[in-house]
Amino acid sequence: MIYTITPNILWEETFYLSSPWQEGKTHRAEKRSAQVGGKGLNVARMLQRLEAPHEALAFTGGEYREPIENWLRRQKFRSRCFEHPQTYARPGVVVRSRKKEETTFFGPNSSVHPESIKEASTYLTNLPESATIALCGSVPNWDKCDWDPLRECFAKTSGQHLWAIDTYGPALAWFAGQKVDLIKVNADEWQAIEKSGTSCQSKSVIVTDGSRSLSGWNADGPRWTFAPPKISKQISPTGSGDVFLAALLHFWQPAQGNLETAAREAARYGAANAAHPDVAEFPLNDLPPSP
């Protein structure tokens, strides 16, 4: 069972324009859509399509609580909400128009109430069986004591659960110093870890660099690198890293198989996602060849 955690949940509206938008002009959309975003939810989307057992943990509250929870109920993936009136989601707007790259505007980060953090951490600590826990996306206010319950959850369950970390900022710096099972970072984030002087203690590491390269290694093995699969046209790279992580955990986690083999297979899914406009909605029977 794979549990994803999304600390920085997003209520996102997308506006579709019939012509390229221009700065300083007023535009009227021809249609709109609304969805809930966040890296852990994107991972859950892909896990559902892979028919992998999963549950997405979400923090809800404030003015977007009802639409977020209604949206989650309509999804095919399994989710669990930890609600508090003083938890607030991050708003976002995406603008898509013909012959112009999509543009995204994000509001202030989410704010998760300490009681919800405690409730979710207790839930994960008391899971009856070994599981994979994937912390996905930024963790606002990680340096505050509000997140102590999750740090304690990690300390209690490390060795029992497999912990996969795909975050950045202070949370990444903290987890890089712990013996987590997997850290997935991009090239800039890995460079920041190296410059900080922190010795990464993760048992396994994946470093992505867009369409240029993907590297990885185990603590006791050599480093390997390959170029991700090529696609004919990139439509939207949004969520491709999350799709990659879902596929990586699916192919690697069940029997703790070879990390490089799993990464090469997962890279096909991440590349296929970039060739389509929506996250984890590409056809599974039309993947690019393995790199």
Protein backbone atom coordinates (compact mmCIF):
# COMPACT_ATOMS: atom_id res chain seq x y z
CA MET A 1 0.00 0.00 0.00
CA ILE A 2 1.34 3.42 -0.97
CA TYR A 3 0.25 6.47 1.06
CA THR A 4 0.91 9.91 -0.40
CA ILE A 5 1.02 13.10 1.69
CA THR A 6 0.24 16.49 0.10
CA PRO A 7 0.99 19.29 2.62
CA ASN A 8 0.55 22.12 0.09
CA ILE A 9 -2.79 21.30 -1.54
CA LEU A 10 -3.98 23.46 -4.43
CA TRP A 11 -7.42 24.59 -5.58
CA GLU A 12 -6.76 25.33 -9.24
CA GLU A 13 -8.88 26.88 -11.99
CA THR A 14 -7.87 26.67 -15.66
CA PHE A 15 -9.01 29.24 -18.23
CA TYR A 16 -8.89 28.35 -21.93
CA LEU A 17 -8.51 31.26 -24.36
CA SER A 18 -9.21 31.13 -28.09
CA SER A 19 -6.26 33.40 -28.87
CA PRO A 20 -2.86 34.06 -27.24
CA TRP A 21 -3.17 36.21 -24.14
CA GLN A 22 -1.28 39.46 -23.78
CA GLU A 23 -0.03 41.19 -20.65
CA GLY A 24 -2.04 44.27 -19.74
CA LYS A 25 -5.07 43.22 -21.81
CA THR A 26 -8.50 41.95 -20.74
CA HIS A 27 -9.37 38.46 -21.98
CA ARG A 28 -12.52 36.38 -21.83
CA ALA A 29 -12.11 32.59 -21.58
CA GLU A 30 -14.10 30.34 -23.90
CA LYS A 31 -14.25 27.67 -21.19
CA ARG A 32 -12.92 26.89 -17.71
CA SER A 33 -12.30 23.89 -15.52
CA ALA A 34 -11.49 23.39 -11.84
CA GLN A 35 -9.46 20.73 -10.11
CA VAL A 36 -7.49 19.99 -6.98
CA GLY A 37 -3.74 19.95 -7.43
CA GLY A 38 -0.78 18.85 -5.39
CA LYS A 39 2.05 16.44 -6.01
CA GLY A 40 0.73 13.67 -3.75
CA LEU A 41 -2.66 13.77 -5.49
CA ASN A 42 -0.97 13.57 -8.89
CA VAL A 43 0.98 10.53 -7.69
CA ALA A 44 -2.28 8.94 -6.53
CA ARG A 45 -3.86 9.57 -9.95
CA MET A 46 -1.11 7.59 -11.62
CA LEU A 47 -1.13 4.84 -8.99
CA GLN A 48 -4.84 4.38 -9.61
CA ARG A 49 -4.24 4.00 -13.35
CA LEU A 50 -1.53 1.42 -12.59
CA GLU A 51 -4.02 -0.38 -10.32
CA ALA A 52 -1.58 -0.08 -7.41
CA PRO A 53 -3.04 -0.06 -3.86
CA HIS A 54 -2.86 3.52 -2.60
CA GLU A 55 -4.39 6.25 -0.47
CA ALA A 56 -3.87 10.00 -0.84
CA LEU A 57 -3.84 11.95 2.43
CA ALA A 58 -5.12 15.51 2.07
CA PHE A 59 -5.50 18.44 4.48
CA THR A 60 -8.70 20.45 3.98
CA GLY A 61 -10.46 23.44 5.54
CA GLY A 62 -11.30 27.07 4.98
CA GLU A 63 -13.21 28.46 2.01
CA TYR A 64 -12.08 25.74 -0.42
CA ARG A 65 -12.85 22.78 1.86
CA GLU A 66 -16.20 21.88 0.33
CA PRO A 67 -15.17 22.08 -3.36
CA ILE A 68 -11.93 20.23 -2.63
CA GLU A 69 -13.65 17.40 -0.76
CA ASN A 70 -16.39 17.19 -3.41
CA TRP A 71 -13.73 16.97 -6.13
CA LEU A 72 -11.84 14.26 -4.25
CA ARG A 73 -15.02 12.22 -3.84
CA ARG A 74 -15.52 12.24 -7.60
CA GLN A 75 -12.05 10.88 -8.31
CA LYS A 76 -11.28 7.24 -8.92
CA PHE A 77 -8.25 7.26 -6.65
CA ARG A 78 -8.63 6.60 -2.94
CA SER A 79 -8.25 9.57 -0.59
CA ARG A 80 -8.59 10.50 3.07
CA CYS A 81 -9.11 14.06 4.32
CA PHE A 82 -7.93 15.54 7.61
CA GLU A 83 -10.15 18.59 8.05
CA HIS A 84 -9.83 21.63 10.27
CA PRO A 85 -11.57 25.03 9.90
CA GLN A 86 -8.22 26.82 10.13
CA THR A 87 -6.50 24.82 7.38
CA TYR A 88 -6.29 26.81 4.14
CA ALA A 89 -5.62 25.60 0.61
CA ARG A 90 -3.41 27.38 -1.90
CA PRO A 91 -5.32 28.95 -4.84
CA GLY A 92 -4.00 28.81 -8.39
CA VAL A 93 -4.91 29.87 -11.93
CA VAL A 94 -3.71 28.32 -15.19
CA VAL A 95 -4.09 30.15 -18.51
CA ARG A 96 -3.99 28.11 -21.71
CA SER A 97 -4.22 29.57 -25.19
CA ARG A 98 -3.34 28.55 -28.72
CA LYS A 99 0.24 29.10 -29.92
CA LYS A 100 1.48 30.13 -26.49
CA GLU A 101 2.91 28.19 -23.55
CA GLU A 102 0.56 27.78 -20.62
CA THR A 103 1.08 30.17 -17.71
CA THR A 104 0.41 29.36 -14.06
CA PHE A 105 -0.20 31.75 -11.17
CA PHE A 106 -0.02 30.42 -7.60
CA GLY A 107 -1.44 32.08 -4.52
CA PRO A 108 0.16 31.96 -1.05
CA ASN A 109 1.16 28.55 0.30
CA SER A 110 -1.29 26.36 2.16
CA SER A 111 -1.51 26.51 5.93
CA VAL A 112 -2.15 23.20 7.71
CA HIS A 113 -3.48 23.33 11.25
CA PRO A 114 -1.33 21.45 13.84
CA GLU A 115 -4.28 19.27 14.88
CA SER A 116 -4.63 17.93 11.33
CA ILE A 117 -0.89 17.21 11.16
CA LYS A 118 -1.11 15.32 14.45
CA GLU A 119 -4.16 13.34 13.30
CA ALA A 120 -2.53 12.32 10.01
CA SER A 121 0.76 11.40 11.69
CA THR A 122 -1.05 9.22 14.25
CA TYR A 123 -2.92 7.51 11.42
CA LEU A 124 0.34 6.69 9.60
CA THR A 125 2.12 5.60 12.78
CA ASN A 126 -0.63 3.10 13.57
CA LEU A 127 -0.92 1.49 10.14
CA PRO A 128 -1.37 -2.25 10.74
CA GLU A 129 1.05 -3.36 8.01
CA SER A 130 4.25 -2.18 6.40
CA ALA A 131 3.60 0.48 3.78
CA THR A 132 5.25 3.01 1.52
CA ILE A 133 4.83 6.64 2.64
CA ALA A 134 5.55 9.26 -0.02
CA LEU A 135 5.88 12.88 1.12
CA CYS A 136 5.23 14.96 -1.99
CA GLY A 137 5.67 18.66 -2.64
CA SER A 138 6.66 21.56 -0.46
CA VAL A 139 5.96 21.58 3.27
CA PRO A 140 5.10 25.14 4.35
CA ASN A 141 6.39 26.00 7.84
CA TRP A 142 8.39 22.77 8.12
CA ASP A 143 10.79 24.39 10.56
CA LYS A 144 7.97 25.04 13.04
CA CYS A 145 7.07 22.61 15.81
CA ASP A 146 3.70 22.07 14.07
CA TRP A 147 5.36 19.33 12.01
CA ASP A 148 6.98 17.55 14.98
CA PRO A 149 4.31 14.79 14.89
CA LEU A 150 5.35 13.83 11.34
CA ARG A 151 9.03 13.87 12.30
CA GLU A 152 8.16 11.61 15.25
CA CYS A 153 6.12 9.38 12.94
CA PHE A 154 9.19 8.94 10.73
CA ALA A 155 11.40 8.14 13.73
CA LYS A 156 8.93 5.49 14.95
CA THR A 157 8.24 3.82 11.61
CA SER A 158 11.58 4.06 9.79
CA GLY A 159 12.59 0.49 9.11
CA GLN A 160 8.98 -0.67 9.15
CA HIS A 161 7.63 1.59 6.41
CA LEU A 162 9.44 2.60 3.23
CA TRP A 163 9.74 6.40 3.16
CA ALA A 164 10.02 8.16 -0.23
CA ILE A 165 10.71 11.92 -0.18
CA ASP A 166 9.98 14.30 -3.08
CA THR A 167 10.10 17.74 -1.47
CA TYR A 168 12.39 20.76 -1.32
CA GLY A 169 13.47 23.59 0.94
CA PRO A 170 13.81 23.04 4.70
CA ALA A 171 11.94 19.71 4.60
CA LEU A 172 14.34 18.32 2.00
CA ALA A 173 17.35 19.53 4.02
CA TRP A 174 15.99 17.71 7.09
CA PHE A 175 15.15 14.44 5.35
CA ALA A 176 18.48 14.44 3.49
CA GLY A 177 20.11 13.99 6.89
CA GLN A 178 17.91 10.98 7.74
CA LYS A 179 18.14 7.37 6.59
CA VAL A 180 15.09 7.54 4.35
CA ASP A 181 14.63 4.84 1.73
CA LEU A 182 14.46 7.16 -1.28
CA ILE A 183 14.95 10.82 -2.06
CA LYS A 184 13.89 12.13 -5.48
CA VAL A 185 15.17 15.62 -6.36
CA ASN A 186 15.88 17.69 -9.43
CA ALA A 187 19.40 18.76 -10.37
CA ASP A 188 19.13 22.19 -8.69
CA GLU A 189 17.85 20.68 -5.43
CA TRP A 190 20.67 18.11 -5.40
CA GLN A 191 23.22 20.86 -5.99
CA ALA A 192 21.76 22.76 -3.02
CA ILE A 193 22.20 19.67 -0.82
CA GLU A 194 25.82 19.32 -1.90
CA LYS A 195 26.54 23.03 -1.36
CA SER A 196 25.04 22.92 2.12
CA GLY A 197 27.74 20.51 3.23
CA THR A 198 25.12 18.03 4.42
CA SER A 199 26.05 14.42 3.81
CA CYS A 200 22.96 12.83 2.27
CA GLN A 201 22.02 9.77 4.32
CA SER A 202 19.31 8.45 2.00
CA LYS A 203 19.57 4.78 1.08
CA SER A 204 18.65 5.58 -2.54
CA VAL A 205 18.70 8.79 -4.59
CA ILE A 206 17.11 9.82 -7.89
CA VAL A 207 18.18 13.09 -9.55
CA THR A 208 16.19 14.36 -12.53
CA ASP A 209 17.29 17.08 -14.94
CA GLY A 210 14.27 17.63 -17.18
CA SER A 211 14.58 16.00 -20.59
CA ARG A 212 18.38 16.02 -20.36
CA SER A 213 19.25 13.25 -17.93
CA LEU A 214 18.13 11.08 -15.04
CA SER A 215 20.61 9.71 -12.51
CA GLY A 216 20.38 7.48 -9.49
CA TRP A 217 22.25 5.29 -7.08
CA ASN A 218 21.97 3.18 -3.96
CA ALA A 219 24.16 3.94 -0.97
CA ASP A 220 26.18 0.77 -1.60
CA GLY A 221 26.18 0.83 -5.41
CA PRO A 222 27.55 2.76 -8.41
CA ARG A 223 25.90 5.81 -9.93
CA TRP A 224 24.06 5.38 -13.24
CA THR A 225 22.75 7.95 -15.71
CA PHE A 226 20.59 7.83 -18.81
CA ALA A 227 18.69 10.22 -21.06
CA PRO A 228 14.89 10.11 -20.66
CA PRO A 229 12.81 8.93 -23.65
CA LYS A 230 12.28 11.42 -26.44
CA ILE A 231 8.78 12.58 -27.39
CA SER A 232 7.72 14.20 -30.65
CA LYS A 233 6.11 17.24 -28.98
CA GLN A 234 5.88 18.48 -25.41
CA ILE A 235 2.37 19.66 -24.57
CA SER A 236 2.56 20.14 -20.79
CA PRO A 237 5.31 18.95 -18.44
CA THR A 238 3.05 19.61 -15.42
CA GLY A 239 2.90 16.54 -13.18
CA SER A 240 5.42 14.50 -15.18
CA GLY A 241 7.71 14.18 -12.17
CA ASP A 242 4.77 12.99 -10.07
CA VAL A 243 3.78 10.44 -12.72
CA PHE A 244 7.40 9.26 -12.78
CA LEU A 245 7.47 8.87 -8.98
CA ALA A 246 4.22 6.88 -8.96
CA ALA A 247 5.50 4.50 -11.62
CA LEU A 248 8.90 4.25 -9.90
CA LEU A 249 7.32 3.24 -6.58
CA HIS A 250 4.99 0.82 -8.34
CA PHE A 251 7.76 -0.99 -10.23
CA TRP A 252 10.42 -0.79 -7.49
CA GLN A 253 8.58 -1.04 -4.19
CA PRO A 254 6.70 -4.39 -4.24
CA ALA A 255 9.79 -6.60 -4.10
CA GLN A 256 12.43 -3.90 -3.57
CA GLY A 257 13.63 -4.56 -7.09
CA ASN A 258 16.44 -2.94 -9.03
CA LEU A 259 16.20 0.87 -8.80
CA GLU A 260 17.68 1.55 -12.24
CA THR A 261 15.36 -0.91 -13.96
CA ALA A 262 12.35 0.65 -12.25
CA ALA A 263 13.56 4.18 -13.13
CA ARG A 264 13.97 3.32 -16.80
CA GLU A 265 10.43 1.96 -16.95
CA ALA A 266 9.01 4.88 -14.94
CA ALA A 267 10.73 7.38 -17.26
CA ARG A 268 8.49 6.15 -20.09
CA TYR A 269 5.41 7.21 -18.11
CA GLY A 270 6.85 10.61 -17.20
CA ALA A 271 7.71 11.32 -20.84
CA ALA A 272 4.28 10.18 -22.05
CA ASN A 273 2.64 12.53 -19.56
CA ALA A 274 4.55 15.52 -20.96
CA ALA A 275 3.11 14.79 -24.42
CA HIS A 276 -0.47 15.27 -23.17
CA PRO A 277 -2.30 18.27 -21.65
CA ASP A 278 -3.60 16.69 -18.41
CA VAL A 279 -1.87 14.87 -15.57
CA ALA A 280 -1.87 11.05 -15.78
CA GLU A 281 -4.46 11.01 -18.59
CA PHE A 282 -2.28 9.66 -21.40
CA PRO A 283 -2.98 6.25 -23.03
CA LEU A 284 -1.02 3.47 -21.33
CA ASN A 285 -0.72 1.51 -24.58
CA ASP A 286 1.25 4.28 -26.31
CA LEU A 287 4.35 4.77 -24.18
CA PRO A 288 7.71 5.79 -25.69
CA PRO A 289 10.38 3.06 -25.79
CA SER A 290 12.51 2.40 -22.74
CA PRO A 291 15.69 4.52 -22.61
